[in-house]
Amino acid sequence: MVTQAITAPKRGIHSIREMSTNDIERILDLARDFKAGKAINKLSNKTVALFFSENSTRTKLSFQLAATKLGAQVLDLNQDTSSISKGESLADTVMTLQAMGADCVVVRHNQSGITQYLQKYVTVPIINAGDGWAEHPSQCLLDLMTIREYKRFNGLRVLIAGDILHSRVARSNKIALEKLGAKVEFTGPKILMPPNTQKALWPESLTRTDVLILLRLQKERQTQGLIASLDDYHLMYGLTEKNLELLPEESLILHPGPVNRGVELAESVLEDHRCKVQEQVTNGVYVRMALIALALEGRGIVEISA
């Protein structure tokens, strides 16, 4: 197949950076309405295709469940069993999915900017489910939804802690939260911080934190010698029971998952009333319902009841 870019109008949800505050609020409002049972699904004649080239549990399953809850059929394409293993380009694969009748394609890939690139070749909307180190829009939005159920964004003090350098979650969250009026700080081992990034003191900064977002320490980095050991990381930068005492009682603790117990946080932290990890997972389904619905907007798909 000869891959050729098209010039037709593009759709899709690719980046938090591209979204206005109104866009973000609209997605969160629709996700809230889905959660409250106020939105009516009308995707019974639609097909959502999933293409994940990286391992995923929460993101992939919640997109699948979101599409199913909306009444859509789901095509789940695995890179290892697709024609990509025979040399087919990803652009050709996405064009094939469109030709088969997919109405929306959800893509996770290790290449930054991949969904914007693929959108050049198809008219159906593509949703970014995580691209390289760049962004993770749906994770960011489910974090925002969880925060908004407890807090106001304007003036909110948010601390993102951990492997900032390799985290697309940190990038998306900082962009979105600052657009909404929050103040965002980073902290973590110096070697895992982006160059020229101001670093908040740990654990002292916990005392002034309204929302703490802990990032997964990517254990594959351990083989590169970037940190001494997982135990050392936990003692120096983990949310230990002792450090937890510094966090205000009305604060929130978030984590995008999967959680490395005894590394980013002590196991007992997961039982603390401030920890909202499971609520994040629940909200992820409704946020992804909203993203699919809005990506397909204009086709008479979603109605909101009074």
Protein backbone atom coordinates (compact mmCIF):
# COMPACT_ATOMS: atom_id res chain seq x y z
CA MET A 1 0.00 0.00 0.00
CA VAL A 2 1.30 3.47 -0.89
CA THR A 3 0.96 5.81 2.06
CA GLN A 4 -0.14 9.29 1.07
CA ALA A 5 -1.10 12.16 3.36
CA ILE A 6 -4.57 13.68 2.95
CA THR A 7 -5.67 17.29 3.20
CA ALA A 8 -9.21 16.78 4.49
CA PRO A 9 -10.24 18.40 7.81
CA LYS A 10 -8.69 16.66 10.80
CA ARG A 11 -10.23 15.62 14.06
CA GLY A 12 -8.79 13.96 17.10
CA ILE A 13 -7.55 14.57 20.63
CA HIS A 14 -3.77 14.72 20.65
CA SER A 15 -2.43 17.08 23.30
CA ILE A 16 -3.36 18.97 26.44
CA ARG A 17 -1.19 21.77 25.10
CA GLU A 18 -3.67 22.26 22.24
CA MET A 19 -6.66 22.55 24.58
CA SER A 20 -8.12 25.76 25.95
CA THR A 21 -9.43 25.95 29.50
CA ASN A 22 -12.94 25.77 28.01
CA ASP A 23 -12.01 22.57 26.18
CA ILE A 24 -10.74 21.02 29.40
CA GLU A 25 -13.79 22.07 31.40
CA ARG A 26 -16.10 20.75 28.70
CA ILE A 27 -14.47 17.32 28.80
CA LEU A 28 -14.62 17.25 32.60
CA ASP A 29 -18.27 18.34 32.58
CA LEU A 30 -19.24 15.57 30.16
CA ALA A 31 -17.26 12.99 32.17
CA ARG A 32 -19.11 14.16 35.30
CA ASP A 33 -22.44 13.78 33.50
CA PHE A 34 -21.56 10.27 32.36
CA LYS A 35 -20.63 9.38 35.93
CA ALA A 36 -23.94 10.80 37.18
CA GLY A 37 -25.92 8.93 34.52
CA LYS A 38 -27.06 12.13 32.80
CA ALA A 39 -25.54 11.40 29.38
CA ILE A 40 -27.23 9.14 26.84
CA ASN A 41 -25.03 6.90 24.73
CA LYS A 42 -25.68 6.67 20.99
CA LEU A 43 -22.68 4.79 19.68
CA SER A 44 -24.43 1.53 18.87
CA ASN A 45 -23.50 1.78 15.18
CA LYS A 46 -19.92 2.95 15.76
CA THR A 47 -16.59 1.14 16.00
CA VAL A 48 -13.64 2.22 18.14
CA ALA A 49 -10.25 0.68 17.27
CA LEU A 50 -7.49 0.35 19.87
CA PHE A 51 -3.83 0.20 18.87
CA PHE A 52 -1.40 -0.07 21.79
CA SER A 53 2.26 -0.73 21.06
CA GLU A 54 3.19 -0.40 24.75
CA ASN A 55 1.97 -2.50 27.65
CA SER A 56 -1.03 -1.08 29.45
CA THR A 57 -3.70 -2.23 31.88
CA ARG A 58 -5.60 0.80 33.15
CA THR A 59 -5.52 2.95 30.03
CA LYS A 60 -6.30 0.21 27.53
CA LEU A 61 -9.01 -1.52 29.54
CA SER A 62 -10.70 1.75 30.48
CA PHE A 63 -10.79 2.90 26.84
CA GLN A 64 -12.24 -0.49 25.94
CA LEU A 65 -14.82 -0.29 28.73
CA ALA A 66 -15.60 3.33 27.86
CA ALA A 67 -16.37 2.45 24.25
CA THR A 68 -18.47 -0.52 25.35
CA LYS A 69 -20.45 1.60 27.82
CA LEU A 70 -21.18 4.01 24.97
CA GLY A 71 -22.54 1.10 22.95
CA ALA A 72 -19.71 0.93 20.41
CA GLN A 73 -17.98 -2.13 19.02
CA VAL A 74 -14.28 -2.42 19.85
CA LEU A 75 -11.45 -3.57 17.60
CA ASP A 76 -8.34 -4.44 19.61
CA LEU A 77 -5.24 -4.55 17.42
CA ASN A 78 -2.00 -5.81 18.92
CA GLN A 79 1.26 -4.68 17.31
CA ASP A 80 2.91 -8.07 17.74
CA THR A 81 0.14 -9.84 15.80
CA SER A 82 -0.54 -7.07 13.27
CA SER A 83 0.98 -6.61 9.82
CA ILE A 84 3.42 -4.13 11.37
CA SER A 85 5.43 -7.23 12.30
CA LYS A 86 5.64 -7.87 8.54
CA GLY A 87 6.88 -4.36 7.79
CA GLU A 88 3.63 -2.44 7.30
CA SER A 89 3.86 1.19 8.41
CA LEU A 90 1.71 2.43 11.26
CA ALA A 91 0.16 5.00 8.90
CA ASP A 92 -0.93 2.20 6.57
CA THR A 93 -2.34 0.29 9.54
CA VAL A 94 -4.44 3.26 10.64
CA MET A 95 -5.63 3.79 7.05
CA THR A 96 -6.63 0.13 6.93
CA LEU A 97 -8.62 0.50 10.16
CA GLN A 98 -10.45 3.47 8.66
CA ALA A 99 -11.15 1.53 5.45
CA MET A 100 -12.61 -1.30 7.53
CA GLY A 101 -15.07 1.12 9.09
CA ALA A 102 -13.46 2.22 12.33
CA ASP A 103 -14.97 5.55 13.41
CA CYS A 104 -12.24 6.40 15.94
CA VAL A 105 -8.74 5.08 16.64
CA VAL A 106 -7.07 5.16 20.06
CA VAL A 107 -3.27 4.96 19.87
CA ARG A 108 -0.53 4.43 22.44
CA HIS A 109 3.00 4.46 21.10
CA ASN A 110 6.56 5.07 22.27
CA GLN A 111 7.13 7.78 19.64
CA SER A 112 6.36 11.33 20.73
CA GLY A 113 3.97 13.20 18.44
CA ILE A 114 2.80 10.02 16.71
CA THR A 115 -0.94 10.75 16.80
CA GLN A 116 -0.57 14.18 15.17
CA TYR A 117 1.50 12.50 12.45
CA LEU A 118 -1.03 9.70 11.89
CA GLN A 119 -3.93 12.15 11.79
CA LYS A 120 -2.52 13.46 8.49
CA TYR A 121 -3.47 10.17 6.82
CA VAL A 122 -7.05 9.62 8.01
CA THR A 123 -10.22 11.61 8.53
CA VAL A 124 -11.46 9.57 11.48
CA PRO A 125 -10.41 11.04 14.85
CA ILE A 126 -7.35 9.67 16.60
CA ILE A 127 -7.10 9.86 20.40
CA ASN A 128 -3.70 9.97 22.05
CA ALA A 129 -3.45 7.31 24.78
CA GLY A 130 0.18 8.23 25.55
CA ASP A 131 2.98 9.12 23.14
CA GLY A 132 6.59 8.61 24.15
CA TRP A 133 7.75 11.08 26.76
CA ALA A 134 5.50 13.80 25.36
CA GLU A 135 1.97 13.66 26.76
CA HIS A 136 -0.76 11.51 28.28
CA PRO A 137 -3.95 13.57 27.86
CA SER A 138 -6.48 11.06 29.18
CA GLN A 139 -4.47 10.34 32.35
CA CYS A 140 -4.13 14.06 32.94
CA LEU A 141 -7.87 14.61 32.50
CA LEU A 142 -8.84 11.81 34.89
CA ASP A 143 -6.44 13.33 37.43
CA LEU A 144 -8.17 16.68 36.93
CA MET A 145 -11.60 15.10 37.30
CA THR A 146 -10.56 13.49 40.59
CA ILE A 147 -9.09 16.73 41.89
CA ARG A 148 -12.16 18.75 40.85
CA GLU A 149 -14.43 16.49 42.89
CA TYR A 150 -12.67 17.83 46.02
CA LYS A 151 -10.90 21.09 45.18
CA ARG A 152 -10.98 24.29 43.15
CA PHE A 153 -8.12 24.66 40.70
CA ASN A 154 -7.43 28.37 41.09
CA GLY A 155 -4.60 28.84 43.58
CA LEU A 156 -4.25 25.10 44.17
CA ARG A 157 -0.74 24.00 45.23
CA VAL A 158 0.25 20.83 43.42
CA LEU A 159 3.47 18.89 43.93
CA ILE A 160 4.47 16.26 41.34
CA ALA A 161 7.14 13.94 42.72
CA GLY A 162 9.34 11.27 41.19
CA ASP A 163 10.77 10.55 37.75
CA ILE A 164 9.85 13.86 36.11
CA LEU A 165 12.37 13.50 33.29
CA HIS A 166 10.69 10.49 31.68
CA SER A 167 7.08 11.27 32.64
CA ARG A 168 4.48 12.26 30.05
CA VAL A 169 1.98 12.40 32.93
CA ALA A 170 4.00 15.13 34.64
CA ARG A 171 4.18 17.16 31.42
CA SER A 172 0.46 16.99 30.67
CA ASN A 173 -0.56 17.67 34.26
CA LYS A 174 1.67 20.71 34.60
CA ILE A 175 0.33 22.22 31.37
CA ALA A 176 -3.32 21.63 32.28
CA LEU A 177 -3.12 22.61 35.93
CA GLU A 178 -1.34 25.86 35.20
CA LYS A 179 -3.93 26.71 32.54
CA LEU A 180 -6.59 26.24 35.21
CA GLY A 181 -4.82 28.50 37.71
CA ALA A 182 -2.94 26.02 39.90
CA LYS A 183 0.67 26.35 40.97
CA VAL A 184 2.73 23.26 40.08
CA GLU A 185 6.10 22.25 41.51
CA PHE A 186 8.35 19.29 40.70
CA THR A 187 10.55 17.29 43.02
CA GLY A 188 12.61 14.12 42.83
CA PRO A 189 16.19 12.94 42.41
CA LYS A 190 18.24 15.50 40.53
CA ILE A 191 19.23 12.95 37.88
CA LEU A 192 15.51 12.35 37.14
CA MET A 193 14.68 16.06 36.73
CA PRO A 194 14.66 17.82 33.33
CA PRO A 195 17.56 20.23 32.79
CA ASN A 196 17.14 23.71 34.28
CA THR A 197 14.08 22.68 36.30
CA GLN A 198 13.58 24.29 39.68
CA LYS A 199 13.15 21.57 42.27
CA ALA A 200 11.00 21.80 45.39
CA LEU A 201 12.54 20.54 48.63
CA TRP A 202 11.46 17.06 49.73
CA PRO A 203 9.88 16.31 52.11
CA GLU A 204 9.62 19.88 53.45
CA SER A 205 7.39 20.99 50.56
CA LEU A 206 4.71 18.50 51.63
CA THR A 207 3.58 20.89 54.36
CA ARG A 208 2.29 23.37 51.77
CA THR A 209 0.86 20.86 49.29
CA ASP A 210 -2.84 20.58 48.44
CA VAL A 211 -2.43 17.77 45.89
CA LEU A 212 0.50 15.36 45.76
CA ILE A 213 0.92 13.42 42.52
CA LEU A 214 3.40 10.57 42.89
CA LEU A 215 4.89 9.18 39.68
CA ARG A 216 5.82 5.58 39.03
CA LEU A 217 9.53 4.99 39.27
CA GLN A 218 10.28 3.20 36.04
CA LYS A 219 12.21 0.15 37.23
CA GLU A 220 13.78 -0.23 33.81
CA ARG A 221 15.76 2.92 34.64
CA GLN A 222 17.30 1.02 37.55
CA THR A 223 19.41 -1.00 35.09
CA GLN A 224 20.90 2.27 33.83
CA GLY A 225 22.27 3.12 37.26
CA LEU A 226 20.30 6.36 37.57
CA ILE A 227 19.44 5.64 41.20
CA ALA A 228 21.35 3.68 43.82
CA SER A 229 18.54 1.23 44.67
CA LEU A 230 14.77 1.07 45.04
CA ASP A 231 15.13 0.98 48.82
CA ASP A 232 17.26 4.12 48.76
CA TYR A 233 14.73 5.84 46.53
CA HIS A 234 11.92 5.02 48.95
CA LEU A 235 13.85 6.33 51.95
CA MET A 236 14.93 9.53 50.19
CA TYR A 237 11.96 10.38 47.94
CA GLY A 238 9.12 8.02 48.82
CA LEU A 239 5.98 8.92 50.73
CA THR A 240 6.90 7.04 53.87
CA GLU A 241 4.67 6.92 56.94
CA LYS A 242 6.91 9.58 58.50
CA ASN A 243 6.66 11.87 55.47
CA LEU A 244 2.90 11.35 55.33
CA GLU A 245 2.63 13.16 58.67
CA LEU A 246 3.82 16.36 56.94
CA LEU A 247 0.96 16.36 54.45
CA PRO A 248 -2.10 18.47 55.41
CA GLU A 249 -5.19 16.51 56.45
CA GLU A 250 -7.32 17.96 53.64
CA SER A 251 -4.81 17.23 50.88
CA LEU A 252 -5.11 14.60 48.13
CA ILE A 253 -2.68 11.86 47.08
CA LEU A 254 -2.77 10.70 43.46
CA HIS A 255 -0.76 8.15 41.47
CA PRO A 256 -1.24 7.25 37.78
CA GLY A 257 -0.44 3.58 38.42
CA PRO A 258 0.77 0.98 38.48
CA VAL A 259 1.93 1.63 42.03
CA ASN A 260 5.28 0.23 43.16
CA ARG A 261 4.45 -0.47 46.79
CA GLY A 262 7.35 0.33 49.06
CA VAL A 263 8.98 2.50 46.39
CA GLU A 264 6.92 5.61 45.57
CA LEU A 265 4.86 5.15 48.71
CA ALA A 266 4.57 3.00 51.78
CA GLU A 267 1.89 0.33 51.50
CA SER A 268 -0.04 1.90 54.38
CA VAL A 269 -0.42 5.14 52.40
CA LEU A 270 -2.85 3.38 50.05
CA GLU A 271 -5.22 2.99 53.01
CA ASP A 272 -5.00 6.67 54.00
CA HIS A 273 -8.22 8.68 53.52
CA ARG A 274 -6.31 11.21 51.39
CA CYS A 275 -5.28 8.59 48.82
CA LYS A 276 -7.58 8.66 45.78
CA VAL A 277 -5.87 6.09 43.53
CA GLN A 278 -8.94 3.88 43.10
CA GLU A 279 -11.14 6.91 42.42
CA GLN A 280 -8.72 7.87 39.66
CA VAL A 281 -9.21 4.45 38.08
CA THR A 282 -13.00 4.81 38.25
CA ASN A 283 -12.92 8.33 36.81
CA GLY A 284 -10.67 7.15 33.99
CA VAL A 285 -13.56 5.26 32.40
CA TYR A 286 -15.84 8.32 32.41
CA VAL A 287 -13.13 10.66 31.11
CA ARG A 288 -12.40 8.28 28.25
CA MET A 289 -16.12 8.01 27.50
CA ALA A 290 -16.14 11.79 27.21
CA LEU A 291 -13.07 11.82 24.94
CA ILE A 292 -14.54 9.24 22.58
CA ALA A 293 -17.89 11.00 22.50
CA LEU A 294 -16.38 14.43 21.86
CA ALA A 295 -13.97 13.08 19.24
CA LEU A 296 -17.03 11.87 17.35
CA GLU A 297 -19.08 15.01 18.06
CA GLY A 298 -21.04 16.45 15.18
CA ARG A 299 -22.46 13.08 14.17
CA GLY A 300 -25.47 13.26 16.46
CA ILE A 301 -23.96 10.77 18.86
CA VAL A 302 -24.28 12.15 22.38
CA GLU A 303 -27.22 13.89 23.99
CA ILE A 304 -27.22 15.30 27.50
CA SER A 305 -30.44 14.93 29.47
CA ALA A 306 -31.81 17.83 31.49
